[in-house]
Amino acid sequence: MGKVFWIFVVILLIGGYMIKTGLDTDFGESEDRKNFIWTFAKWVFKMGGNVKDTVGYAVAQDWKPEMSDNNTFIVEEIE
């Protein structure tokens, strides 16, 4: 679980750095700090929504293999 936490922190740091450089933020200016925080928060919430949508889609899928009457797997050809 610790690795997942550190991966999450690294992703947030990289995203924050990309937002900072994309906005050309000067943290000495109050308006720039507010703009950075607002943009960063919107990005984090959008990322959370995307993760929720992806997990919801994966959970809704039928992951069980199809079985025939004699308990063998049905293998479909992939074209």
Protein backbone atom coordinates (compact mmCIF):
# COMPACT_ATOMS: atom_id res chain seq x y z
CA MET A 1 0.00 0.00 0.00
CA GLY A 2 2.95 2.28 0.61
CA LYS A 3 4.04 2.03 -3.02
CA VAL A 4 0.61 3.12 -4.24
CA PHE A 5 0.76 6.15 -1.95
CA TRP A 6 4.18 7.20 -3.25
CA ILE A 7 3.14 6.69 -6.87
CA PHE A 8 0.11 8.91 -6.20
CA VAL A 9 2.33 11.59 -4.60
CA VAL A 10 4.77 11.50 -7.54
CA ILE A 11 1.88 11.86 -10.03
CA LEU A 12 0.57 14.88 -8.10
CA LEU A 13 4.03 16.45 -7.97
CA ILE A 14 4.61 15.96 -11.70
CA GLY A 15 1.14 17.33 -12.49
CA GLY A 16 1.72 20.32 -10.21
CA TYR A 17 5.05 21.04 -11.86
CA MET A 18 3.48 20.84 -15.33
CA ILE A 19 0.68 23.21 -14.29
CA LYS A 20 3.19 25.61 -12.70
CA THR A 21 5.34 25.76 -15.82
CA GLY A 22 2.34 25.88 -18.17
CA LEU A 23 0.87 28.85 -16.33
CA ASP A 24 4.30 30.48 -15.82
CA THR A 25 3.43 30.87 -12.15
CA ASP A 26 5.27 33.25 -9.83
CA PHE A 27 4.44 32.09 -6.31
CA GLY A 28 5.39 35.52 -4.98
CA GLU A 29 2.22 36.94 -6.52
CA SER A 30 -1.05 36.31 -4.69
CA GLU A 31 -3.09 36.10 -7.91
CA ASP A 32 -0.68 33.54 -9.40
CA ARG A 33 -0.91 31.38 -6.27
CA LYS A 34 -4.73 31.46 -6.39
CA ASN A 35 -4.73 30.64 -10.11
CA PHE A 36 -2.33 27.71 -9.53
CA ILE A 37 -4.37 26.31 -6.63
CA TRP A 38 -7.64 26.63 -8.61
CA THR A 39 -6.16 24.97 -11.71
CA PHE A 40 -4.47 22.22 -9.66
CA ALA A 41 -7.70 21.48 -7.75
CA LYS A 42 -9.72 21.29 -10.98
CA TRP A 43 -7.12 18.90 -12.44
CA VAL A 44 -7.16 16.65 -9.34
CA PHE A 45 -10.98 16.46 -9.32
CA LYS A 46 -11.09 15.78 -13.06
CA MET A 47 -8.48 13.04 -12.62
CA GLY A 48 -10.54 11.55 -9.79
CA GLY A 49 -13.66 11.58 -11.97
CA ASN A 50 -11.77 9.85 -14.77
CA VAL A 51 -10.52 7.15 -12.39
CA LYS A 52 -14.07 6.68 -11.06
CA ASP A 53 -15.44 6.33 -14.60
CA THR A 54 -12.72 3.86 -15.59
CA VAL A 55 -13.19 1.72 -12.48
CA GLY A 56 -16.97 1.81 -12.94
CA TYR A 57 -16.61 0.62 -16.52
CA ALA A 58 -14.23 -2.19 -15.51
CA VAL A 59 -16.52 -3.34 -12.69
CA ALA A 60 -19.51 -3.46 -15.04
CA GLN A 61 -17.76 -5.88 -17.42
CA ASP A 62 -18.46 -9.61 -17.38
CA TRP A 63 -15.08 -11.09 -16.44
CA LYS A 64 -16.20 -14.70 -16.00
CA PRO A 65 -15.42 -17.12 -18.83
CA GLU A 66 -18.31 -18.70 -20.70
CA MET A 67 -18.86 -22.36 -19.84
CA SER A 68 -20.53 -25.04 -21.93
CA ASP A 69 -22.85 -27.71 -20.55
CA ASN A 70 -19.97 -30.10 -19.81
CA ASN A 71 -18.05 -27.48 -17.76
CA THR A 72 -15.45 -26.65 -20.42
CA PHE A 73 -14.49 -23.19 -21.50
CA ILE A 74 -15.92 -21.79 -24.73
CA VAL A 75 -13.09 -20.29 -26.76
CA GLU A 76 -14.08 -17.67 -29.32
CA GLU A 77 -11.87 -16.89 -32.27
CA ILE A 78 -10.58 -13.34 -32.39
CA GLU A 79 -10.42 -11.85 -35.85
